[in-house]
Amino acid sequence: MATKKIGDVILDVKNISLSFGGVKALTDISFNVCEHEVRAIIGPNGAGKSSMLNCINGVYTPQQGSITFRGQSFHHMDSHQVAVMGIARTFQSLALFKGMSVIDNIMTGRNLKIKSNLLWQALRIGPAQREEELHREAVEHIIDFLEIQAHRKTPVGQLPYGLQKRVDLGRALAMEPQVLLLDEPMAGMNVEEKQDMCRFVLDVNGEFGTTVVLIEHDMGVVMDISDRVVVLDYGKKIGDGTPDEVRNNEEVISAYLGTGH
């Protein structure tokens, strides 16, 4: 198998601090993400992992620090701006439209790419009809990729949890992101479902060339699929490096085993 070529820094997080009232969620966090890598963010519960993703994709505004994406620096980006620039996100709690079919849920990920006006879309005339056909072709490709062809027209709420997670991933992929933020993509899954999701994440990274940043609690998964790992604990960075470097970091071992608290 060919060695994966990691590119230059695509996302650079510098000195991010975030507080809610008097509670510090993040304190002076810095790390970067390189193009084409799988970058994991790990840490015990309450370490600030989801807060970090929320700062990157514009849900939260940090009190300090900056985020640079493809050379352009921001103190704060709103969620729409982040999506337009090419950063997509999945969430811990599924935010799918449970009464809508799989294909229609994934189609919602194409909204930013629709150029025709609302009237043409409603009437499905002129360029709008051809545009919809092209978007549906892209969605069908994602459905094939995620191996959910048999469920194309099934309401998402009727699917098992593991398949709903795939639909959530599919909706994010429909945006054709340069960077994909995954917030615990394997939470609540059984062993077989985790293996499938690992395969899809690696294929998204390898076949599509998408840069992946993921939060994950399963350390076996993290060590197997990540190129680099950043470790948070109580809102502070305590480790950053390759899986082997992080695995042998005494402060990381202490945080996970509880010996330092």
C-alpha atoms as a PDB file:
ATOM      1  CA  MET A   1       0.000   0.000   0.000  1.00  0.00           C
ATOM      2  CA  ALA A   2       1.339   3.446  -0.939  1.00  0.00           C
ATOM      3  CA  THR A   3       2.454   5.691   1.903  1.00  0.00           C
ATOM      4  CA  LYS A   4       0.018   8.504   2.511  1.00  0.00           C
ATOM      5  CA  LYS A   5       1.407  11.934   1.671  1.00  0.00           C
ATOM      6  CA  ILE A   6       0.665  14.441   4.414  1.00  0.00           C
ATOM      7  CA  GLY A   7       0.514  18.025   3.137  1.00  0.00           C
ATOM      8  CA  ASP A   8       1.152  21.424   4.661  1.00  0.00           C
ATOM      9  CA  VAL A   9      -0.791  22.907   7.578  1.00  0.00           C
ATOM     10  CA  ILE A  10      -4.389  23.572   6.501  1.00  0.00           C
ATOM     11  CA  LEU A  11      -5.840  24.512   9.912  1.00  0.00           C
ATOM     12  CA  ASP A  12      -3.880  26.272  12.647  1.00  0.00           C
ATOM     13  CA  VAL A  13      -5.373  26.813  16.106  1.00  0.00           C
ATOM     14  CA  LYS A  14      -3.431  29.330  18.215  1.00  0.00           C
ATOM     15  CA  ASN A  15      -3.811  30.182  21.895  1.00  0.00           C
ATOM     16  CA  ILE A  16      -7.538  29.522  22.086  1.00  0.00           C
ATOM     17  CA  SER A  17      -9.149  30.281  25.455  1.00  0.00           C
ATOM     18  CA  LEU A  18     -12.863  29.883  26.124  1.00  0.00           C
ATOM     19  CA  SER A  19     -14.801  30.605  29.319  1.00  0.00           C
ATOM     20  CA  PHE A  20     -18.452  30.359  30.306  1.00  0.00           C
ATOM     21  CA  GLY A  21     -18.938  32.787  33.165  1.00  0.00           C
ATOM     22  CA  GLY A  22     -16.166  31.916  35.577  1.00  0.00           C
ATOM     23  CA  VAL A  23     -15.670  28.405  34.210  1.00  0.00           C
ATOM     24  CA  LYS A  24     -12.683  27.903  31.907  1.00  0.00           C
ATOM     25  CA  ALA A  25     -13.514  25.396  29.173  1.00  0.00           C
ATOM     26  CA  LEU A  26     -10.276  25.886  27.216  1.00  0.00           C
ATOM     27  CA  THR A  27      -7.013  27.527  28.287  1.00  0.00           C
ATOM     28  CA  ASP A  28      -4.390  28.639  25.746  1.00  0.00           C
ATOM     29  CA  ILE A  29      -4.827  25.691  23.354  1.00  0.00           C
ATOM     30  CA  SER A  30      -2.626  25.534  20.250  1.00  0.00           C
ATOM     31  CA  PHE A  31      -2.282  22.785  17.637  1.00  0.00           C
ATOM     32  CA  ASN A  32      -2.384  22.421  13.879  1.00  0.00           C
ATOM     33  CA  VAL A  33      -3.911  20.072  11.326  1.00  0.00           C
ATOM     34  CA  CYS A  34      -2.109  19.116   8.115  1.00  0.00           C
ATOM     35  CA  GLU A  35      -3.782  18.459   4.791  1.00  0.00           C
ATOM     36  CA  HIS A  36      -4.782  14.817   4.202  1.00  0.00           C
ATOM     37  CA  GLU A  37      -4.114  13.648   7.774  1.00  0.00           C
ATOM     38  CA  VAL A  38      -6.402  12.097  10.365  1.00  0.00           C
ATOM     39  CA  ARG A  39      -5.986  14.248  13.470  1.00  0.00           C
ATOM     40  CA  ALA A  40      -7.536  12.988  16.710  1.00  0.00           C
ATOM     41  CA  ILE A  41      -8.493  15.042  19.767  1.00  0.00           C
ATOM     42  CA  ILE A  42      -8.751  12.905  22.894  1.00  0.00           C
ATOM     43  CA  GLY A  43      -9.141  13.377  26.618  1.00  0.00           C
ATOM     44  CA  PRO A  44     -11.312  12.369  29.582  1.00  0.00           C
ATOM     45  CA  ASN A  45     -14.916  13.538  29.855  1.00  0.00           C
ATOM     46  CA  GLY A  46     -15.081  17.296  30.396  1.00  0.00           C
ATOM     47  CA  ALA A  47     -11.648  17.875  28.880  1.00  0.00           C
ATOM     48  CA  GLY A  48     -12.969  20.464  26.404  1.00  0.00           C
ATOM     49  CA  LYS A  49     -12.891  18.407  23.192  1.00  0.00           C
ATOM     50  CA  SER A  50     -16.340  19.320  21.855  1.00  0.00           C
ATOM     51  CA  SER A  51     -15.824  22.942  22.932  1.00  0.00           C
ATOM     52  CA  MET A  52     -12.704  22.966  20.762  1.00  0.00           C
ATOM     53  CA  LEU A  53     -14.629  21.725  17.713  1.00  0.00           C
ATOM     54  CA  ASN A  54     -17.349  24.287  18.463  1.00  0.00           C
ATOM     55  CA  CYS A  55     -14.737  27.051  18.291  1.00  0.00           C
ATOM     56  CA  ILE A  56     -13.398  25.752  14.974  1.00  0.00           C
ATOM     57  CA  ASN A  57     -16.789  25.553  13.288  1.00  0.00           C
ATOM     58  CA  GLY A  58     -18.151  28.811  14.635  1.00  0.00           C
ATOM     59  CA  VAL A  59     -20.625  27.638  17.272  1.00  0.00           C
ATOM     60  CA  TYR A  60     -18.596  29.282  20.065  1.00  0.00           C
ATOM     61  CA  THR A  61     -16.545  32.494  20.001  1.00  0.00           C
ATOM     62  CA  PRO A  62     -13.317  32.142  22.009  1.00  0.00           C
ATOM     63  CA  GLN A  63     -12.293  35.028  24.253  1.00  0.00           C
ATOM     64  CA  GLN A  64      -8.679  34.714  23.105  1.00  0.00           C
ATOM     65  CA  GLY A  65      -6.719  33.255  20.226  1.00  0.00           C
ATOM     66  CA  SER A  66      -7.148  32.804  16.498  1.00  0.00           C
ATOM     67  CA  ILE A  67      -7.921  30.096  13.970  1.00  0.00           C
ATOM     68  CA  THR A  68      -6.202  30.103  10.585  1.00  0.00           C
ATOM     69  CA  PHE A  69      -7.712  28.149   7.702  1.00  0.00           C
ATOM     70  CA  ARG A  70      -5.738  27.948   4.455  1.00  0.00           C
ATOM     71  CA  GLY A  71      -3.662  30.968   5.453  1.00  0.00           C
ATOM     72  CA  GLN A  72      -6.591  33.214   6.412  1.00  0.00           C
ATOM     73  CA  SER A  73      -6.814  34.059  10.125  1.00  0.00           C
ATOM     74  CA  PHE A  74      -9.995  34.622  12.108  1.00  0.00           C
ATOM     75  CA  HIS A  75     -10.771  35.450  15.705  1.00  0.00           C
ATOM     76  CA  HIS A  76     -14.263  34.184  15.062  1.00  0.00           C
ATOM     77  CA  MET A  77     -16.025  32.513  12.152  1.00  0.00           C
ATOM     78  CA  ASP A  78     -19.773  32.012  12.026  1.00  0.00           C
ATOM     79  CA  SER A  79     -21.050  28.522  11.179  1.00  0.00           C
ATOM     80  CA  HIS A  80     -22.291  29.463   7.697  1.00  0.00           C
ATOM     81  CA  GLN A  81     -18.970  31.042   6.794  1.00  0.00           C
ATOM     82  CA  VAL A  82     -17.127  27.944   8.018  1.00  0.00           C
ATOM     83  CA  ALA A  83     -19.311  25.674   5.877  1.00  0.00           C
ATOM     84  CA  VAL A  84     -18.851  27.843   2.769  1.00  0.00           C
ATOM     85  CA  MET A  85     -15.071  27.742   3.263  1.00  0.00           C
ATOM     86  CA  GLY A  86     -15.112  23.945   3.289  1.00  0.00           C
ATOM     87  CA  ILE A  87     -15.343  22.697   6.877  1.00  0.00           C
ATOM     88  CA  ALA A  88     -18.160  20.214   7.646  1.00  0.00           C
ATOM     89  CA  ARG A  89     -19.172  18.814  11.034  1.00  0.00           C
ATOM     90  CA  THR A  90     -21.037  15.898  12.568  1.00  0.00           C
ATOM     91  CA  PHE A  91     -22.325  16.031  16.151  1.00  0.00           C
ATOM     92  CA  GLN A  92     -22.457  13.648  19.113  1.00  0.00           C
ATOM     93  CA  SER A  93     -26.241  13.792  19.151  1.00  0.00           C
ATOM     94  CA  LEU A  94     -27.714  13.047  15.751  1.00  0.00           C
ATOM     95  CA  ALA A  95     -29.435  16.101  14.267  1.00  0.00           C
ATOM     96  CA  LEU A  96     -31.060  14.247  11.394  1.00  0.00           C
ATOM     97  CA  PHE A  97     -34.570  14.789  10.032  1.00  0.00           C
ATOM     98  CA  LYS A  98     -36.085  11.560  11.363  1.00  0.00           C
ATOM     99  CA  GLY A  99     -39.233  11.662   9.210  1.00  0.00           C
ATOM    100  CA  MET A 100     -37.314  12.229   5.977  1.00  0.00           C
ATOM    101  CA  SER A 101     -35.734   9.521   3.839  1.00  0.00           C
ATOM    102  CA  VAL A 102     -32.024   8.743   3.779  1.00  0.00           C
ATOM    103  CA  ILE A 103     -31.582  10.336   0.354  1.00  0.00           C
ATOM    104  CA  ASP A 104     -33.435  13.515   1.355  1.00  0.00           C
ATOM    105  CA  ASN A 105     -31.382  13.861   4.557  1.00  0.00           C
ATOM    106  CA  ILE A 106     -28.141  13.598   2.609  1.00  0.00           C
ATOM    107  CA  MET A 107     -29.488  16.018  -0.022  1.00  0.00           C
ATOM    108  CA  THR A 108     -29.716  18.705   2.685  1.00  0.00           C
ATOM    109  CA  GLY A 109     -25.918  18.660   2.728  1.00  0.00           C
ATOM    110  CA  ARG A 110     -25.965  19.979  -0.855  1.00  0.00           C
ATOM    111  CA  ASN A 111     -27.868  23.170   0.047  1.00  0.00           C
ATOM    112  CA  LEU A 112     -24.794  25.396  -0.032  1.00  0.00           C
ATOM    113  CA  LYS A 113     -24.015  24.224  -3.557  1.00  0.00           C
ATOM    114  CA  ILE A 114     -27.457  24.983  -5.031  1.00  0.00           C
ATOM    115  CA  LYS A 115     -27.202  27.996  -7.348  1.00  0.00           C
ATOM    116  CA  SER A 116     -30.679  28.227  -8.950  1.00  0.00           C
ATOM    117  CA  ASN A 117     -33.289  30.511  -7.377  1.00  0.00           C
ATOM    118  CA  LEU A 118     -36.127  29.291  -5.154  1.00  0.00           C
ATOM    119  CA  LEU A 119     -38.828  29.701  -7.803  1.00  0.00           C
ATOM    120  CA  TRP A 120     -36.962  27.568 -10.326  1.00  0.00           C
ATOM    121  CA  GLN A 121     -36.275  24.998  -7.598  1.00  0.00           C
ATOM    122  CA  ALA A 122     -39.965  24.852  -6.640  1.00  0.00           C
ATOM    123  CA  LEU A 123     -41.118  24.481 -10.242  1.00  0.00           C
ATOM    124  CA  ARG A 124     -38.160  22.274 -11.218  1.00  0.00           C
ATOM    125  CA  ILE A 125     -37.762  24.117 -14.516  1.00  0.00           C
ATOM    126  CA  GLY A 126     -34.832  25.429 -16.516  1.00  0.00           C
ATOM    127  CA  PRO A 127     -31.392  25.081 -14.952  1.00  0.00           C
ATOM    128  CA  ALA A 128     -32.924  23.983 -11.617  1.00  0.00           C
ATOM    129  CA  GLN A 129     -33.972  20.576 -12.955  1.00  0.00           C
ATOM    130  CA  ARG A 130     -30.521  19.783 -14.347  1.00  0.00           C
ATOM    131  CA  GLU A 131     -28.876  21.100 -11.198  1.00  0.00           C
ATOM    132  CA  GLU A 132     -31.032  18.869  -8.991  1.00  0.00           C
ATOM    133  CA  GLU A 133     -30.156  15.871 -11.154  1.00  0.00           C
ATOM    134  CA  LEU A 134     -26.441  16.593 -10.689  1.00  0.00           C
ATOM    135  CA  HIS A 135     -26.832  16.958  -6.927  1.00  0.00           C
ATOM    136  CA  ARG A 136     -28.792  13.705  -6.739  1.00  0.00           C
ATOM    137  CA  GLU A 137     -26.043  11.945  -8.686  1.00  0.00           C
ATOM    138  CA  ALA A 138     -23.515  13.164  -6.098  1.00  0.00           C
ATOM    139  CA  VAL A 139     -25.771  11.957  -3.268  1.00  0.00           C
ATOM    140  CA  GLU A 140     -26.247   8.543  -4.908  1.00  0.00           C
ATOM    141  CA  HIS A 141     -22.462   8.208  -5.090  1.00  0.00           C
ATOM    142  CA  ILE A 142     -22.238   8.875  -1.328  1.00  0.00           C
ATOM    143  CA  ILE A 143     -25.022   6.349  -0.641  1.00  0.00           C
ATOM    144  CA  ASP A 144     -23.106   3.719  -2.625  1.00  0.00           C
ATOM    145  CA  PHE A 145     -19.868   4.627  -0.855  1.00  0.00           C
ATOM    146  CA  LEU A 146     -21.496   4.217   2.587  1.00  0.00           C
ATOM    147  CA  GLU A 147     -23.197   0.959   1.526  1.00  0.00           C
ATOM    148  CA  ILE A 148     -26.716   2.105   2.424  1.00  0.00           C
ATOM    149  CA  GLN A 149     -28.339   1.602  -1.004  1.00  0.00           C
ATOM    150  CA  ALA A 150     -31.021  -0.687   0.462  1.00  0.00           C
ATOM    151  CA  HIS A 151     -32.203   2.134   2.749  1.00  0.00           C
ATOM    152  CA  ARG A 152     -32.284   5.024   0.239  1.00  0.00           C
ATOM    153  CA  LYS A 153     -35.999   5.735   0.700  1.00  0.00           C
ATOM    154  CA  THR A 154     -36.351   4.611   4.321  1.00  0.00           C
ATOM    155  CA  PRO A 155     -37.239   7.313   6.883  1.00  0.00           C
ATOM    156  CA  VAL A 156     -34.070   7.816   8.920  1.00  0.00           C
ATOM    157  CA  GLY A 157     -35.936   7.395  12.215  1.00  0.00           C
ATOM    158  CA  GLN A 158     -36.655   3.756  11.317  1.00  0.00           C
ATOM    159  CA  LEU A 159     -32.968   2.864  10.874  1.00  0.00           C
ATOM    160  CA  PRO A 160     -30.718   1.278  13.530  1.00  0.00           C
ATOM    161  CA  TYR A 161     -28.428   3.720  15.333  1.00  0.00           C
ATOM    162  CA  GLY A 162     -25.284   2.643  13.485  1.00  0.00           C
ATOM    163  CA  LEU A 163     -26.892   3.307  10.098  1.00  0.00           C
ATOM    164  CA  GLN A 164     -28.189   6.685  11.286  1.00  0.00           C
ATOM    165  CA  LYS A 165     -24.574   7.578  12.079  1.00  0.00           C
ATOM    166  CA  ARG A 166     -23.647   6.689   8.491  1.00  0.00           C
ATOM    167  CA  VAL A 167     -26.392   8.972   7.182  1.00  0.00           C
ATOM    168  CA  ASP A 168     -25.032  11.766   9.388  1.00  0.00           C
ATOM    169  CA  LEU A 169     -21.582  11.176   7.883  1.00  0.00           C
ATOM    170  CA  GLY A 170     -23.124  11.129   4.403  1.00  0.00           C
ATOM    171  CA  ARG A 171     -24.797  14.489   4.929  1.00  0.00           C
ATOM    172  CA  ALA A 172     -21.454  16.021   5.930  1.00  0.00           C
ATOM    173  CA  LEU A 173     -19.731  14.426   2.923  1.00  0.00           C
ATOM    174  CA  ALA A 174     -22.402  15.881   0.631  1.00  0.00           C
ATOM    175  CA  MET A 175     -20.896  19.309   1.368  1.00  0.00           C
ATOM    176  CA  GLU A 176     -17.647  18.080  -0.254  1.00  0.00           C
ATOM    177  CA  PRO A 177     -15.606  19.445   2.657  1.00  0.00           C
ATOM    178  CA  GLN A 178     -11.862  20.011   2.672  1.00  0.00           C
ATOM    179  CA  VAL A 179     -11.863  19.376   6.432  1.00  0.00           C
ATOM    180  CA  LEU A 180     -14.329  17.033   8.138  1.00  0.00           C
ATOM    181  CA  LEU A 181     -14.897  17.438  11.899  1.00  0.00           C
ATOM    182  CA  LEU A 182     -16.252  14.249  13.498  1.00  0.00           C
ATOM    183  CA  ASP A 183     -17.542  14.457  17.083  1.00  0.00           C
ATOM    184  CA  GLU A 184     -17.474  10.929  18.495  1.00  0.00           C
ATOM    185  CA  PRO A 185     -18.526   9.188  15.256  1.00  0.00           C
ATOM    186  CA  MET A 186     -18.408   5.774  16.941  1.00  0.00           C
ATOM    187  CA  ALA A 187     -20.147   6.567  20.244  1.00  0.00           C
ATOM    188  CA  GLY A 188     -22.788   4.000  21.156  1.00  0.00           C
ATOM    189  CA  MET A 189     -21.758   1.536  18.454  1.00  0.00           C
ATOM    190  CA  ASN A 190     -21.069  -2.169  18.811  1.00  0.00           C
ATOM    191  CA  VAL A 191     -17.739  -3.656  17.694  1.00  0.00           C
ATOM    192  CA  GLU A 192     -18.886  -4.464  14.154  1.00  0.00           C
ATOM    193  CA  GLU A 193     -20.391  -0.994  13.641  1.00  0.00           C
ATOM    194  CA  LYS A 194     -17.165   0.605  14.901  1.00  0.00           C
ATOM    195  CA  GLN A 195     -15.106  -1.438  12.450  1.00  0.00           C
ATOM    196  CA  ASP A 196     -17.351  -0.300   9.591  1.00  0.00           C
ATOM    197  CA  MET A 197     -17.147   3.346  10.627  1.00  0.00           C
ATOM    198  CA  CYS A 198     -13.336   3.142  10.961  1.00  0.00           C
ATOM    199  CA  ARG A 199     -13.195   1.824   7.411  1.00  0.00           C
ATOM    200  CA  PHE A 200     -15.396   4.642   6.116  1.00  0.00           C
ATOM    201  CA  VAL A 201     -13.342   7.313   7.914  1.00  0.00           C
ATOM    202  CA  LEU A 202     -10.113   5.916   6.459  1.00  0.00           C
ATOM    203  CA  ASP A 203     -11.672   5.675   2.990  1.00  0.00           C
ATOM    204  CA  VAL A 204     -12.952   9.262   3.186  1.00  0.00           C
ATOM    205  CA  ASN A 205      -9.420  10.302   4.092  1.00  0.00           C
ATOM    206  CA  GLY A 206      -7.704   8.072   1.523  1.00  0.00           C
ATOM    207  CA  GLU A 207     -10.048   8.045  -1.482  1.00  0.00           C
ATOM    208  CA  PHE A 208     -11.528  11.547  -1.220  1.00  0.00           C
ATOM    209  CA  GLY A 209      -8.374  13.120   0.213  1.00  0.00           C
ATOM    210  CA  THR A 210     -10.454  14.768   2.940  1.00  0.00           C
ATOM    211  CA  THR A 211      -8.627  15.992   6.033  1.00  0.00           C
ATOM    212  CA  VAL A 212     -10.287  14.509   9.134  1.00  0.00           C
ATOM    213  CA  VAL A 213     -10.341  15.856  12.693  1.00  0.00           C
ATOM    214  CA  LEU A 214     -12.103  13.526  15.098  1.00  0.00           C
ATOM    215  CA  ILE A 215     -12.971  13.253  18.762  1.00  0.00           C
ATOM    216  CA  GLU A 216     -13.115   9.651  19.918  1.00  0.00           C
ATOM    217  CA  HIS A 217     -13.102   7.854  23.287  1.00  0.00           C
ATOM    218  CA  ASP A 218     -12.120   4.406  22.001  1.00  0.00           C
ATOM    219  CA  MET A 219      -8.341   4.501  22.371  1.00  0.00           C
ATOM    220  CA  GLY A 220      -7.878   1.432  20.183  1.00  0.00           C
ATOM    221  CA  VAL A 221      -9.641   3.220  17.333  1.00  0.00           C
ATOM    222  CA  VAL A 222      -7.646   6.420  17.862  1.00  0.00           C
ATOM    223  CA  MET A 223      -4.300   4.676  17.865  1.00  0.00           C
ATOM    224  CA  ASP A 224      -5.182   2.607  14.794  1.00  0.00           C
ATOM    225  CA  ILE A 225      -6.454   5.309  12.434  1.00  0.00           C
ATOM    226  CA  SER A 226      -4.834   8.595  13.522  1.00  0.00           C
ATOM    227  CA  ASP A 227      -1.705  10.185  12.086  1.00  0.00           C
ATOM    228  CA  ARG A 228      -1.355  12.562  15.055  1.00  0.00           C
ATOM    229  CA  VAL A 229      -3.153  12.995  18.357  1.00  0.00           C
ATOM    230  CA  VAL A 230      -3.670  16.048  20.583  1.00  0.00           C
ATOM    231  CA  VAL A 231      -4.650  15.362  24.206  1.00  0.00           C
ATOM    232  CA  LEU A 232      -6.746  17.702  26.364  1.00  0.00           C
ATOM    233  CA  ASP A 233      -7.400  17.489  30.100  1.00  0.00           C
ATOM    234  CA  TYR A 234      -9.424  20.012  32.110  1.00  0.00           C
ATOM    235  CA  GLY A 235      -9.294  22.390  29.131  1.00  0.00           C
ATOM    236  CA  LYS A 236      -5.506  22.323  28.798  1.00  0.00           C
ATOM    237  CA  LYS A 237      -3.277  20.595  26.259  1.00  0.00           C
ATOM    238  CA  ILE A 238      -1.170  17.893  27.896  1.00  0.00           C
ATOM    239  CA  GLY A 239       0.092  15.983  24.863  1.00  0.00           C
ATOM    240  CA  ASP A 240       0.547  16.257  21.108  1.00  0.00           C
ATOM    241  CA  GLY A 241       2.264  13.911  18.680  1.00  0.00           C
ATOM    242  CA  THR A 242       2.097  10.569  16.933  1.00  0.00           C
ATOM    243  CA  PRO A 243       0.010   7.802  18.514  1.00  0.00           C
ATOM    244  CA  ASP A 244       3.203   6.182  19.864  1.00  0.00           C
ATOM    245  CA  GLU A 245       4.448   9.446  21.368  1.00  0.00           C
ATOM    246  CA  VAL A 246       1.106  10.094  23.039  1.00  0.00           C
ATOM    247  CA  ARG A 247       0.785   6.508  24.248  1.00  0.00           C
ATOM    248  CA  ASN A 248       4.091   6.834  26.107  1.00  0.00           C
ATOM    249  CA  ASN A 249       3.504  10.345  27.485  1.00  0.00           C
ATOM    250  CA  GLU A 250       3.528  10.173  31.298  1.00  0.00           C
ATOM    251  CA  GLU A 251       1.148  13.117  31.710  1.00  0.00           C
ATOM    252  CA  VAL A 252      -1.345  11.496  29.318  1.00  0.00           C
ATOM    253  CA  ILE A 253      -1.091   8.163  31.145  1.00  0.00           C
ATOM    254  CA  SER A 254      -1.643  10.001  34.442  1.00  0.00           C
ATOM    255  CA  ALA A 255      -4.757  11.800  33.114  1.00  0.00           C
ATOM    256  CA  TYR A 256      -6.338   8.614  31.819  1.00  0.00           C
ATOM    257  CA  LEU A 257      -5.482   6.465  34.827  1.00  0.00           C
ATOM    258  CA  GLY A 258      -6.392   9.206  37.297  1.00  0.00           C
ATOM    259  CA  THR A 259      -3.056   9.037  39.110  1.00  0.00           C
ATOM    260  CA  GLY A 260      -2.449  12.762  38.667  1.00  0.00           C
ATOM    261  CA  HIS A 261      -5.779  13.847  40.185  1.00  0.00           C
END
